[in-house]
Amino acid sequence: QLPSTEVPGTFSPLTQQPATVTPTAVLTSPPTQAPKEEAIPPTPSPGKVFPASQKKAAKGATSAATAVNPGGAKLAAVIGMNCEVEDIDLGGGEPLDWEFHPLGFGIGDHKQKYFLGAVVSNLGIVVVFFVLNYVTAWAQVAWLKVPWEKAIFYVRAPGLVYIPMVWLLTGTSIAASNLAFFPSRAPSWVAVVGAVVLALCLSLPPLMWFILLKRGRFRATTVPDPKINADAAEIVKGFGKETENNAKEDTGT
């Protein structure tokens, strides 16, 4: 409360007393402060686990950064991303998913044991499937007296091997790449096995063309269907009549 002061020569119309003036305080906004720099959440390194309190603090810092500077928040989010890809960037010693390594066993006591197990077992699955495919054809020739050409046609040999080969190709190539490109994680012969299997995976497209798709190997033929031919003839005949009627209407005959 500020003290009142009398103003000489002035009187209040109600009290006929010298008028007083009460000064009022001028409201001013508080001084602005520069925004504090928000801490960028720590970048997780591969294989490092942060405690829950540190994760909560990083999340709070990211939320505050979003309110102050959306662009900076996006950068902080990108920096904090963990780009490690499961089953591909593994440091070793961990089992692979079943679609990469169906049998799931490891070979040896080194870090690459599951990758080596995937290479060996996946190749073994394809070879067993290939052998069974031709054994089934041979059984038809031996017991059912079916000609060999018809027997391999009935069992779709060797084309049926394409199914397990394509299914296991991804896991085999990933495992072989890890064996070949990280030789320090296992004995040297393991890296040699990986390089050989990786070269085999890369050679599969031209090998498939040579065995199945090149001229003389690919024996797909067309089978005439009388019903389809008859339907096509009716369609052509009807189209011809329609064209003839349109021509007559145009000429007025």
C-alpha atoms as a PDB file:
ATOM      1  CA  GLN A   1       0.000   0.000   0.000  1.00  0.00           C
ATOM      2  CA  LEU A   2       1.563   3.306  -1.145  1.00  0.00           C
ATOM      3  CA  PRO A   3       1.003   6.473   0.998  1.00  0.00           C
ATOM      4  CA  SER A   4      -1.462   9.147  -0.236  1.00  0.00           C
ATOM      5  CA  THR A   5      -0.327  12.707  -0.915  1.00  0.00           C
ATOM      6  CA  GLU A   6      -2.378  15.918  -0.891  1.00  0.00           C
ATOM      7  CA  VAL A   7      -2.682  17.957  -4.058  1.00  0.00           C
ATOM      8  CA  PRO A   8      -2.583  21.730  -3.239  1.00  0.00           C
ATOM      9  CA  GLY A   9      -5.541  23.883  -4.480  1.00  0.00           C
ATOM     10  CA  THR A  10      -7.882  20.974  -5.121  1.00  0.00           C
ATOM     11  CA  PHE A  11     -10.881  19.873  -3.055  1.00  0.00           C
ATOM     12  CA  SER A  12     -13.032  16.830  -3.070  1.00  0.00           C
ATOM     13  CA  PRO A  13     -16.640  17.669  -4.135  1.00  0.00           C
ATOM     14  CA  LEU A  14     -18.050  15.365  -1.422  1.00  0.00           C
ATOM     15  CA  THR A  15     -15.991  16.216   1.666  1.00  0.00           C
ATOM     16  CA  GLN A  16     -14.729  19.682   0.732  1.00  0.00           C
ATOM     17  CA  GLN A  17     -11.359  18.511   1.948  1.00  0.00           C
ATOM     18  CA  PRO A  18      -8.132  18.749   0.052  1.00  0.00           C
ATOM     19  CA  ALA A  19      -8.105  16.029  -2.507  1.00  0.00           C
ATOM     20  CA  THR A  20      -5.560  13.294  -2.207  1.00  0.00           C
ATOM     21  CA  VAL A  21      -3.940  11.264  -4.889  1.00  0.00           C
ATOM     22  CA  THR A  22      -3.008   7.639  -4.274  1.00  0.00           C
ATOM     23  CA  PRO A  23      -0.251   6.515  -6.618  1.00  0.00           C
ATOM     24  CA  THR A  24      -0.740   3.067  -8.114  1.00  0.00           C
ATOM     25  CA  ALA A  25       1.932   0.543  -8.748  1.00  0.00           C
ATOM     26  CA  VAL A  26       2.868  -0.104 -12.371  1.00  0.00           C
ATOM     27  CA  LEU A  27       2.671  -3.803 -13.173  1.00  0.00           C
ATOM     28  CA  THR A  28       5.589  -5.025 -15.184  1.00  0.00           C
ATOM     29  CA  SER A  29       6.200  -8.480 -16.587  1.00  0.00           C
ATOM     30  CA  PRO A  30       9.019 -10.403 -14.957  1.00  0.00           C
ATOM     31  CA  PRO A  31      12.271 -10.508 -16.868  1.00  0.00           C
ATOM     32  CA  THR A  32      12.349 -13.251 -19.443  1.00  0.00           C
ATOM     33  CA  GLN A  33      14.933 -15.964 -19.153  1.00  0.00           C
ATOM     34  CA  ALA A  34      16.574 -17.818 -21.992  1.00  0.00           C
ATOM     35  CA  PRO A  35      15.220 -21.378 -22.279  1.00  0.00           C
ATOM     36  CA  LYS A  36      17.472 -23.945 -20.819  1.00  0.00           C
ATOM     37  CA  GLU A  37      19.025 -26.465 -23.142  1.00  0.00           C
ATOM     38  CA  GLU A  38      17.265 -29.789 -22.823  1.00  0.00           C
ATOM     39  CA  ALA A  39      19.375 -32.864 -22.453  1.00  0.00           C
ATOM     40  CA  ILE A  40      19.347 -35.255 -25.400  1.00  0.00           C
ATOM     41  CA  PRO A  41      18.495 -38.786 -24.289  1.00  0.00           C
ATOM     42  CA  PRO A  42      21.471 -41.112 -24.243  1.00  0.00           C
ATOM     43  CA  THR A  43      22.115 -43.228 -27.302  1.00  0.00           C
ATOM     44  CA  PRO A  44      21.867 -46.928 -26.471  1.00  0.00           C
ATOM     45  CA  SER A  45      24.805 -48.919 -27.668  1.00  0.00           C
ATOM     46  CA  PRO A  46      24.270 -52.463 -29.034  1.00  0.00           C
ATOM     47  CA  GLY A  47      23.885 -54.914 -26.224  1.00  0.00           C
ATOM     48  CA  LYS A  48      23.765 -52.214 -23.483  1.00  0.00           C
ATOM     49  CA  VAL A  49      20.773 -52.176 -21.127  1.00  0.00           C
ATOM     50  CA  PHE A  50      19.818 -48.912 -19.406  1.00  0.00           C
ATOM     51  CA  PRO A  51      18.137 -48.884 -15.954  1.00  0.00           C
ATOM     52  CA  ALA A  52      14.457 -47.955 -15.728  1.00  0.00           C
ATOM     53  CA  SER A  53      15.194 -44.591 -14.052  1.00  0.00           C
ATOM     54  CA  GLN A  54      17.515 -43.556 -16.888  1.00  0.00           C
ATOM     55  CA  LYS A  55      14.965 -44.617 -19.523  1.00  0.00           C
ATOM     56  CA  LYS A  56      12.282 -42.545 -17.740  1.00  0.00           C
ATOM     57  CA  ALA A  57      14.567 -39.512 -17.617  1.00  0.00           C
ATOM     58  CA  ALA A  58      15.375 -39.869 -21.313  1.00  0.00           C
ATOM     59  CA  LYS A  59      11.666 -40.089 -22.149  1.00  0.00           C
ATOM     60  CA  GLY A  60      10.948 -36.945 -20.113  1.00  0.00           C
ATOM     61  CA  ALA A  61      13.769 -35.073 -21.828  1.00  0.00           C
ATOM     62  CA  THR A  62      12.399 -36.050 -25.242  1.00  0.00           C
ATOM     63  CA  SER A  63       8.885 -34.809 -24.282  1.00  0.00           C
ATOM     64  CA  ALA A  64      10.277 -31.478 -23.081  1.00  0.00           C
ATOM     65  CA  ALA A  65      12.307 -31.131 -26.270  1.00  0.00           C
ATOM     66  CA  THR A  66       9.154 -31.702 -28.306  1.00  0.00           C
ATOM     67  CA  ALA A  67       7.422 -28.761 -26.587  1.00  0.00           C
ATOM     68  CA  VAL A  68      10.359 -26.384 -27.045  1.00  0.00           C
ATOM     69  CA  ASN A  69      11.731 -27.440 -30.421  1.00  0.00           C
ATOM     70  CA  PRO A  70       9.910 -30.104 -32.465  1.00  0.00           C
ATOM     71  CA  GLY A  71      12.786 -30.382 -34.926  1.00  0.00           C
ATOM     72  CA  GLY A  72      15.254 -31.030 -32.149  1.00  0.00           C
ATOM     73  CA  ALA A  73      12.940 -33.642 -30.679  1.00  0.00           C
ATOM     74  CA  LYS A  74      12.880 -35.520 -33.971  1.00  0.00           C
ATOM     75  CA  LEU A  75      16.667 -35.435 -34.087  1.00  0.00           C
ATOM     76  CA  ALA A  76      16.833 -36.711 -30.524  1.00  0.00           C
ATOM     77  CA  ALA A  77      14.432 -39.541 -31.386  1.00  0.00           C
ATOM     78  CA  VAL A  78      16.520 -40.539 -34.390  1.00  0.00           C
ATOM     79  CA  ILE A  79      19.708 -40.457 -32.339  1.00  0.00           C
ATOM     80  CA  GLY A  80      18.090 -42.626 -29.688  1.00  0.00           C
ATOM     81  CA  MET A  81      16.951 -45.306 -32.135  1.00  0.00           C
ATOM     82  CA  ASN A  82      18.497 -48.734 -31.862  1.00  0.00           C
ATOM     83  CA  CYS A  83      19.248 -49.958 -35.389  1.00  0.00           C
ATOM     84  CA  GLU A  84      20.289 -53.438 -34.349  1.00  0.00           C
ATOM     85  CA  VAL A  85      18.419 -56.050 -36.409  1.00  0.00           C
ATOM     86  CA  GLU A  86      17.554 -59.248 -34.588  1.00  0.00           C
ATOM     87  CA  ASP A  87      19.032 -62.468 -35.990  1.00  0.00           C
ATOM     88  CA  ILE A  88      21.177 -60.582 -38.534  1.00  0.00           C
ATOM     89  CA  ASP A  89      23.517 -58.437 -36.417  1.00  0.00           C
ATOM     90  CA  LEU A  90      23.863 -61.014 -33.660  1.00  0.00           C
ATOM     91  CA  GLY A  91      27.161 -61.010 -31.879  1.00  0.00           C
ATOM     92  CA  GLY A  92      26.981 -64.800 -31.659  1.00  0.00           C
ATOM     93  CA  GLY A  93      26.031 -67.348 -29.080  1.00  0.00           C
ATOM     94  CA  GLU A  94      22.257 -66.862 -29.432  1.00  0.00           C
ATOM     95  CA  PRO A  95      19.845 -69.257 -31.190  1.00  0.00           C
ATOM     96  CA  LEU A  96      18.322 -68.151 -34.478  1.00  0.00           C
ATOM     97  CA  ASP A  97      14.597 -68.019 -35.189  1.00  0.00           C
ATOM     98  CA  TRP A  98      13.036 -71.186 -36.593  1.00  0.00           C
ATOM     99  CA  GLU A  99      12.517 -69.742 -40.094  1.00  0.00           C
ATOM    100  CA  PHE A 100      16.286 -69.236 -40.359  1.00  0.00           C
ATOM    101  CA  HIS A 101      17.366 -72.396 -38.527  1.00  0.00           C
ATOM    102  CA  PRO A 102      14.485 -74.920 -38.226  1.00  0.00           C
ATOM    103  CA  LEU A 103      16.445 -77.539 -36.275  1.00  0.00           C
ATOM    104  CA  GLY A 104      17.931 -74.948 -33.908  1.00  0.00           C
ATOM    105  CA  PHE A 105      21.123 -76.732 -32.794  1.00  0.00           C
ATOM    106  CA  GLY A 106      24.641 -75.348 -32.616  1.00  0.00           C
ATOM    107  CA  ILE A 107      27.959 -76.905 -33.622  1.00  0.00           C
ATOM    108  CA  GLY A 108      31.011 -76.296 -31.446  1.00  0.00           C
ATOM    109  CA  ASP A 109      31.563 -74.027 -28.435  1.00  0.00           C
ATOM    110  CA  HIS A 110      32.407 -70.783 -30.256  1.00  0.00           C
ATOM    111  CA  LYS A 111      30.246 -67.709 -30.838  1.00  0.00           C
ATOM    112  CA  GLN A 112      29.307 -68.786 -34.350  1.00  0.00           C
ATOM    113  CA  LYS A 113      27.983 -72.200 -33.328  1.00  0.00           C
ATOM    114  CA  TYR A 114      24.343 -71.459 -34.226  1.00  0.00           C
ATOM    115  CA  PHE A 115      25.290 -69.923 -37.559  1.00  0.00           C
ATOM    116  CA  LEU A 116      27.370 -72.994 -38.354  1.00  0.00           C
ATOM    117  CA  GLY A 117      24.511 -75.235 -37.254  1.00  0.00           C
ATOM    118  CA  ALA A 118      22.124 -73.331 -39.541  1.00  0.00           C
ATOM    119  CA  VAL A 119      24.428 -73.736 -42.552  1.00  0.00           C
ATOM    120  CA  VAL A 120      24.947 -77.468 -42.024  1.00  0.00           C
ATOM    121  CA  SER A 121      21.344 -78.355 -41.137  1.00  0.00           C
ATOM    122  CA  ASN A 122      19.729 -76.242 -43.856  1.00  0.00           C
ATOM    123  CA  LEU A 123      21.923 -77.786 -46.531  1.00  0.00           C
ATOM    124  CA  GLY A 124      21.182 -81.198 -45.069  1.00  0.00           C
ATOM    125  CA  ILE A 125      17.417 -80.600 -45.277  1.00  0.00           C
ATOM    126  CA  VAL A 126      17.659 -79.659 -48.962  1.00  0.00           C
ATOM    127  CA  VAL A 127      19.884 -82.654 -49.789  1.00  0.00           C
ATOM    128  CA  VAL A 128      17.557 -85.082 -47.977  1.00  0.00           C
ATOM    129  CA  PHE A 129      14.550 -83.631 -49.778  1.00  0.00           C
ATOM    130  CA  PHE A 130      16.391 -83.977 -53.115  1.00  0.00           C
ATOM    131  CA  VAL A 131      17.314 -87.618 -52.437  1.00  0.00           C
ATOM    132  CA  LEU A 132      13.787 -88.525 -51.311  1.00  0.00           C
ATOM    133  CA  ASN A 133      12.396 -86.896 -54.435  1.00  0.00           C
ATOM    134  CA  TYR A 134      14.413 -89.189 -56.698  1.00  0.00           C
ATOM    135  CA  VAL A 135      14.034 -92.247 -54.455  1.00  0.00           C
ATOM    136  CA  THR A 136      10.263 -91.891 -54.837  1.00  0.00           C
ATOM    137  CA  ALA A 137      10.653 -91.775 -58.610  1.00  0.00           C
ATOM    138  CA  TRP A 138      12.930 -94.826 -58.565  1.00  0.00           C
ATOM    139  CA  ALA A 139      10.387 -96.726 -56.455  1.00  0.00           C
ATOM    140  CA  GLN A 140       7.734 -96.132 -59.103  1.00  0.00           C
ATOM    141  CA  VAL A 141      10.055 -97.517 -61.768  1.00  0.00           C
ATOM    142  CA  ALA A 142      11.054-100.558 -59.687  1.00  0.00           C
ATOM    143  CA  TRP A 143       7.679-101.654 -58.338  1.00  0.00           C
ATOM    144  CA  LEU A 144       5.070-100.017 -60.556  1.00  0.00           C
ATOM    145  CA  LYS A 145       7.011-100.402 -63.823  1.00  0.00           C
ATOM    146  CA  VAL A 146       6.496 -96.760 -64.643  1.00  0.00           C
ATOM    147  CA  PRO A 147       8.923 -95.324 -67.228  1.00  0.00           C
ATOM    148  CA  TRP A 148      11.596 -93.111 -65.713  1.00  0.00           C
ATOM    149  CA  GLU A 149      10.468 -90.000 -67.594  1.00  0.00           C
ATOM    150  CA  LYS A 150       6.922 -90.378 -66.292  1.00  0.00           C
ATOM    151  CA  ALA A 151       8.122 -91.220 -62.783  1.00  0.00           C
ATOM    152  CA  ILE A 152      10.123 -88.002 -62.369  1.00  0.00           C
ATOM    153  CA  PHE A 153       7.192 -86.124 -63.896  1.00  0.00           C
ATOM    154  CA  TYR A 154       4.797 -87.558 -61.304  1.00  0.00           C
ATOM    155  CA  VAL A 155       7.004 -86.549 -58.362  1.00  0.00           C
ATOM    156  CA  ARG A 156       8.067 -83.250 -59.980  1.00  0.00           C
ATOM    157  CA  ALA A 157      11.763 -84.043 -59.641  1.00  0.00           C
ATOM    158  CA  PRO A 158      13.898 -82.020 -59.191  1.00  0.00           C
ATOM    159  CA  GLY A 159      11.559 -79.024 -59.317  1.00  0.00           C
ATOM    160  CA  LEU A 160       9.890 -79.918 -56.010  1.00  0.00           C
ATOM    161  CA  VAL A 161      13.199 -79.288 -54.216  1.00  0.00           C
ATOM    162  CA  TYR A 162      12.691 -75.618 -55.075  1.00  0.00           C
ATOM    163  CA  ILE A 163      10.220 -75.256 -52.168  1.00  0.00           C
ATOM    164  CA  PRO A 164      12.569 -76.064 -49.235  1.00  0.00           C
ATOM    165  CA  MET A 165      15.495 -74.449 -51.035  1.00  0.00           C
ATOM    166  CA  VAL A 166      13.798 -71.061 -51.354  1.00  0.00           C
ATOM    167  CA  TRP A 167      12.388 -71.288 -47.825  1.00  0.00           C
ATOM    168  CA  LEU A 168      15.830 -71.898 -46.291  1.00  0.00           C
ATOM    169  CA  LEU A 169      17.859 -69.689 -48.631  1.00  0.00           C
ATOM    170  CA  THR A 170      17.480 -66.536 -46.516  1.00  0.00           C
ATOM    171  CA  GLY A 171      18.612 -68.124 -43.266  1.00  0.00           C
ATOM    172  CA  THR A 172      21.439 -70.013 -44.960  1.00  0.00           C
ATOM    173  CA  SER A 173      22.822 -66.920 -46.690  1.00  0.00           C
ATOM    174  CA  ILE A 174      22.603 -64.850 -43.478  1.00  0.00           C
ATOM    175  CA  ALA A 175      24.398 -67.539 -41.476  1.00  0.00           C
ATOM    176  CA  ALA A 176      27.054 -68.041 -44.175  1.00  0.00           C
ATOM    177  CA  SER A 177      27.654 -64.269 -44.364  1.00  0.00           C
ATOM    178  CA  ASN A 178      28.243 -64.080 -40.619  1.00  0.00           C
ATOM    179  CA  LEU A 179      30.676 -66.999 -40.790  1.00  0.00           C
ATOM    180  CA  ALA A 180      32.601 -65.508 -43.723  1.00  0.00           C
ATOM    181  CA  PHE A 181      32.704 -61.849 -42.626  1.00  0.00           C
ATOM    182  CA  PHE A 182      33.529 -62.396 -38.934  1.00  0.00           C
ATOM    183  CA  PRO A 183      36.339 -64.987 -38.961  1.00  0.00           C
ATOM    184  CA  SER A 184      37.679 -63.879 -35.563  1.00  0.00           C
ATOM    185  CA  ARG A 185      34.647 -65.290 -33.747  1.00  0.00           C
ATOM    186  CA  ALA A 186      35.387 -68.928 -34.594  1.00  0.00           C
ATOM    187  CA  PRO A 187      38.171 -71.200 -35.902  1.00  0.00           C
ATOM    188  CA  SER A 188      39.463 -70.377 -39.385  1.00  0.00           C
ATOM    189  CA  TRP A 189      37.883 -73.434 -41.031  1.00  0.00           C
ATOM    190  CA  VAL A 190      34.445 -72.114 -40.004  1.00  0.00           C
ATOM    191  CA  ALA A 191      35.027 -68.951 -42.065  1.00  0.00           C
ATOM    192  CA  VAL A 192      36.051 -71.114 -45.036  1.00  0.00           C
ATOM    193  CA  VAL A 193      32.812 -73.089 -44.749  1.00  0.00           C
ATOM    194  CA  GLY A 194      30.853 -69.841 -44.633  1.00  0.00           C
ATOM    195  CA  ALA A 195      32.577 -68.471 -47.742  1.00  0.00           C
ATOM    196  CA  VAL A 196      31.934 -71.679 -49.704  1.00  0.00           C
ATOM    197  CA  VAL A 197      28.242 -71.806 -48.723  1.00  0.00           C
ATOM    198  CA  LEU A 198      27.791 -68.109 -49.462  1.00  0.00           C
ATOM    199  CA  ALA A 199      29.250 -68.643 -52.953  1.00  0.00           C
ATOM    200  CA  LEU A 200      26.833 -71.543 -53.406  1.00  0.00           C
ATOM    201  CA  CYS A 201      23.886 -69.334 -52.422  1.00  0.00           C
ATOM    202  CA  LEU A 202      24.964 -66.706 -54.960  1.00  0.00           C
ATOM    203  CA  SER A 203      25.298 -69.341 -57.686  1.00  0.00           C
ATOM    204  CA  LEU A 204      21.783 -70.727 -57.207  1.00  0.00           C
ATOM    205  CA  PRO A 205      20.015 -68.452 -59.776  1.00  0.00           C
ATOM    206  CA  PRO A 206      22.256 -69.445 -62.745  1.00  0.00           C
ATOM    207  CA  LEU A 207      22.293 -73.053 -61.503  1.00  0.00           C
ATOM    208  CA  MET A 208      18.500 -73.107 -61.407  1.00  0.00           C
ATOM    209  CA  TRP A 209      18.370 -71.773 -64.962  1.00  0.00           C
ATOM    210  CA  PHE A 210      20.793 -74.455 -66.152  1.00  0.00           C
ATOM    211  CA  ILE A 211      18.953 -77.332 -64.459  1.00  0.00           C
ATOM    212  CA  LEU A 212      15.319 -76.297 -64.856  1.00  0.00           C
ATOM    213  CA  LEU A 213      14.665 -73.312 -67.084  1.00  0.00           C
ATOM    214  CA  LYS A 214      16.988 -73.390 -70.080  1.00  0.00           C
ATOM    215  CA  ARG A 215      15.705 -74.539 -73.477  1.00  0.00           C
ATOM    216  CA  GLY A 216      15.550 -78.314 -73.603  1.00  0.00           C
ATOM    217  CA  ARG A 217      15.150 -78.614 -69.819  1.00  0.00           C
ATOM    218  CA  PHE A 218      11.933 -76.700 -69.326  1.00  0.00           C
ATOM    219  CA  ARG A 219       9.376 -79.123 -70.709  1.00  0.00           C
ATOM    220  CA  ALA A 220       6.125 -77.305 -70.108  1.00  0.00           C
ATOM    221  CA  THR A 221       3.686 -77.869 -72.978  1.00  0.00           C
ATOM    222  CA  THR A 222       0.252 -76.622 -73.883  1.00  0.00           C
ATOM    223  CA  VAL A 223      -2.711 -79.019 -73.696  1.00  0.00           C
ATOM    224  CA  PRO A 224      -5.560 -78.332 -76.129  1.00  0.00           C
ATOM    225  CA  ASP A 225      -8.994 -77.991 -74.571  1.00  0.00           C
ATOM    226  CA  PRO A 226     -11.891 -78.559 -77.029  1.00  0.00           C
ATOM    227  CA  LYS A 227     -14.340 -76.632 -74.867  1.00  0.00           C
ATOM    228  CA  ILE A 228     -12.130 -73.570 -74.721  1.00  0.00           C
ATOM    229  CA  ASN A 229     -11.563 -73.746 -78.481  1.00  0.00           C
ATOM    230  CA  ALA A 230     -15.325 -74.068 -79.116  1.00  0.00           C
ATOM    231  CA  ASP A 231     -16.086 -71.120 -76.852  1.00  0.00           C
ATOM    232  CA  ALA A 232     -13.445 -69.034 -78.586  1.00  0.00           C
ATOM    233  CA  ALA A 233     -14.923 -69.931 -81.996  1.00  0.00           C
ATOM    234  CA  GLU A 234     -18.404 -68.853 -80.844  1.00  0.00           C
ATOM    235  CA  ILE A 235     -17.025 -65.548 -79.575  1.00  0.00           C
ATOM    236  CA  VAL A 236     -15.243 -64.884 -82.866  1.00  0.00           C
ATOM    237  CA  LYS A 237     -18.376 -65.839 -84.838  1.00  0.00           C
ATOM    238  CA  GLY A 238     -20.587 -63.543 -82.761  1.00  0.00           C
ATOM    239  CA  PHE A 239     -18.121 -60.678 -83.142  1.00  0.00           C
ATOM    240  CA  GLY A 240     -18.149 -61.177 -86.918  1.00  0.00           C
ATOM    241  CA  LYS A 241     -21.975 -61.015 -87.064  1.00  0.00           C
ATOM    242  CA  GLU A 242     -22.022 -57.866 -84.952  1.00  0.00           C
ATOM    243  CA  THR A 243     -19.489 -56.218 -87.227  1.00  0.00           C
ATOM    244  CA  GLU A 244     -21.530 -57.160 -90.292  1.00  0.00           C
ATOM    245  CA  ASN A 245     -24.755 -55.722 -88.812  1.00  0.00           C
ATOM    246  CA  ASN A 246     -23.019 -52.470 -87.908  1.00  0.00           C
ATOM    247  CA  ALA A 247     -21.732 -52.142 -91.465  1.00  0.00           C
ATOM    248  CA  LYS A 248     -25.275 -52.648 -92.861  1.00  0.00           C
ATOM    249  CA  GLU A 249     -26.674 -49.979 -90.533  1.00  0.00           C
ATOM    250  CA  ASP A 250     -24.001 -47.525 -91.646  1.00  0.00           C
ATOM    251  CA  THR A 251     -24.751 -48.066 -95.341  1.00  0.00           C
ATOM    252  CA  GLY A 252     -28.544 -48.091 -94.809  1.00  0.00           C
ATOM    253  CA  THR A 253     -29.065 -51.446 -96.498  1.00  0.00           C
END
